[in-house]
Amino acid sequence: MPKHLNSTAKKLIASLIDYIEKERDNGGPLLPLQAVRERVAQALNVSSSTVSAISNAVKNNELLKSPSKYRPYPKSVTDITHLNVDSIRNAIYEKVSKWKHRWRCLENNLMKRNFYKQ
């Protein structure tokens, strides 16, 4: 049964084909055959440290895992009841009304001292 490949795997295969064709046109290997990790890194267009890390994981029988796709932190609350919405709205209105009151007091004081004119 054929295996479906994602775009990253297809790019790796394309770069491997390109590398092998370059070796064919060169009449031999571009790098010495003893430099296995360097040849793999150059053929796949990845860093040699990536190849070494994967090679070590395979030698130690570790599972090759892709990065986690889940958030490391919980999502914010999205299901808010009407009671919570009302209490949030009331808290905002209270803060705004206090701010307006403070602004009016400040405005009046500045007008008395002739620093502010409407």
Protein backbone atom coordinates (compact mmCIF):
# COMPACT_ATOMS: atom_id res chain seq x y z
CA MET A 1 0.00 0.00 0.00
CA PRO A 2 1.50 3.39 -0.95
CA LYS A 3 2.36 5.74 1.87
CA HIS A 4 1.15 9.34 1.74
CA LEU A 5 3.96 11.81 2.36
CA ASN A 6 3.73 15.33 3.68
CA SER A 7 5.39 18.28 1.95
CA THR A 8 8.52 18.10 4.13
CA ALA A 9 9.12 14.47 3.19
CA LYS A 10 8.61 15.33 -0.48
CA LYS A 11 11.19 18.14 -0.22
CA LEU A 12 13.69 15.75 1.38
CA ILE A 13 13.17 13.22 -1.40
CA ALA A 14 13.60 15.94 -4.04
CA SER A 15 16.87 17.12 -2.49
CA LEU A 16 18.09 13.50 -2.27
CA ILE A 17 17.32 12.95 -5.96
CA ASP A 18 19.15 16.19 -6.81
CA TYR A 19 22.20 15.10 -4.79
CA ILE A 20 22.34 11.66 -6.41
CA GLU A 21 22.05 13.23 -9.87
CA LYS A 22 24.95 15.56 -9.01
CA GLU A 23 27.01 12.53 -7.99
CA ARG A 24 26.07 10.82 -11.26
CA ASP A 25 27.15 13.87 -13.28
CA ASN A 26 30.36 14.10 -11.23
CA GLY A 27 31.23 10.50 -12.05
CA GLY A 28 31.51 9.55 -8.40
CA PRO A 29 30.71 10.67 -4.87
CA LEU A 30 30.95 14.37 -4.03
CA LEU A 31 32.14 13.56 -0.51
CA PRO A 32 34.19 10.53 0.59
CA LEU A 33 32.13 7.41 1.29
CA GLN A 34 33.52 7.24 4.84
CA ALA A 35 31.88 10.59 5.71
CA VAL A 36 28.40 9.09 6.01
CA ARG A 37 26.76 11.74 8.20
CA GLU A 38 28.16 14.62 6.15
CA ARG A 39 26.94 12.99 2.93
CA VAL A 40 23.45 12.48 4.38
CA ALA A 41 23.36 16.08 5.66
CA GLN A 42 24.40 17.47 2.30
CA ALA A 43 22.04 15.18 0.38
CA LEU A 44 19.02 16.18 2.47
CA ASN A 45 19.95 19.86 2.94
CA VAL A 46 19.91 19.60 6.74
CA SER A 47 22.62 20.31 9.29
CA SER A 48 25.06 17.62 10.31
CA SER A 49 24.03 18.10 13.96
CA THR A 50 20.46 17.17 13.01
CA VAL A 51 21.70 14.03 11.29
CA SER A 52 23.87 13.17 14.31
CA ALA A 53 20.98 13.66 16.73
CA ILE A 54 18.68 11.42 14.70
CA SER A 55 21.43 8.83 14.26
CA ASN A 56 22.09 8.73 18.01
CA ALA A 57 18.38 8.40 18.74
CA VAL A 58 18.11 5.44 16.36
CA LYS A 59 21.18 3.77 17.88
CA ASN A 60 19.70 4.13 21.39
CA ASN A 61 16.32 2.72 20.25
CA GLU A 62 14.56 5.98 21.09
CA LEU A 63 11.29 6.92 19.45
CA LEU A 64 11.57 9.61 16.80
CA LYS A 65 8.99 12.19 17.81
CA SER A 66 7.90 15.31 16.03
CA PRO A 67 7.43 18.48 18.07
CA SER A 68 4.30 18.65 20.15
CA LYS A 69 1.32 20.29 18.50
CA TYR A 70 -0.41 21.07 21.77
CA ARG A 71 -0.14 24.23 23.80
CA PRO A 72 2.01 23.94 26.90
CA TYR A 73 -0.39 26.26 28.71
CA PRO A 74 -4.15 26.03 29.11
CA LYS A 75 -6.47 27.96 26.85
CA SER A 76 -8.36 30.93 28.18
CA VAL A 77 -11.95 30.46 29.27
CA THR A 78 -14.30 30.81 26.32
CA ASP A 79 -17.56 29.56 27.79
CA ILE A 80 -18.74 32.44 29.97
CA THR A 81 -22.18 32.45 31.53
CA HIS A 82 -24.45 35.50 31.36
CA LEU A 83 -23.89 36.10 35.06
CA ASN A 84 -20.15 36.36 34.49
CA VAL A 85 -20.63 38.62 31.47
CA ASP A 86 -22.84 40.94 33.51
CA SER A 87 -20.39 41.05 36.41
CA ILE A 88 -17.50 41.81 34.05
CA ARG A 89 -19.51 44.55 32.33
CA ASN A 90 -20.49 46.07 35.70
CA ALA A 91 -16.88 46.06 36.88
CA ILE A 92 -15.78 47.87 33.70
CA TYR A 93 -18.57 50.44 34.01
CA GLU A 94 -17.64 51.05 37.63
CA LYS A 95 -13.98 51.64 36.74
CA VAL A 96 -14.90 53.95 33.87
CA SER A 97 -17.30 55.97 36.01
CA LYS A 98 -14.62 56.40 38.69
CA TRP A 99 -12.15 57.44 36.01
CA LYS A 100 -14.63 59.97 34.60
CA HIS A 101 -15.24 61.37 38.08
CA ARG A 102 -11.50 61.71 38.69
CA TRP A 103 -11.04 63.34 35.30
CA ARG A 104 -13.81 65.87 36.05
CA CYS A 105 -12.21 66.72 39.41
CA LEU A 106 -8.82 67.16 37.78
CA GLU A 107 -10.33 69.23 34.99
CA ASN A 108 -12.12 71.49 37.51
CA ASN A 109 -8.94 71.97 39.55
CA LEU A 110 -6.94 72.84 36.44
CA MET A 111 -9.61 75.28 35.28
CA LYS A 112 -9.61 77.00 38.70
CA ARG A 113 -5.84 77.46 38.43
CA ASN A 114 -6.13 78.64 34.81
CA PHE A 115 -4.00 75.78 33.47
CA TYR A 116 -6.76 74.30 31.40
CA LYS A 117 -9.43 75.89 29.24
CA GLN A 118 -12.25 74.22 27.41
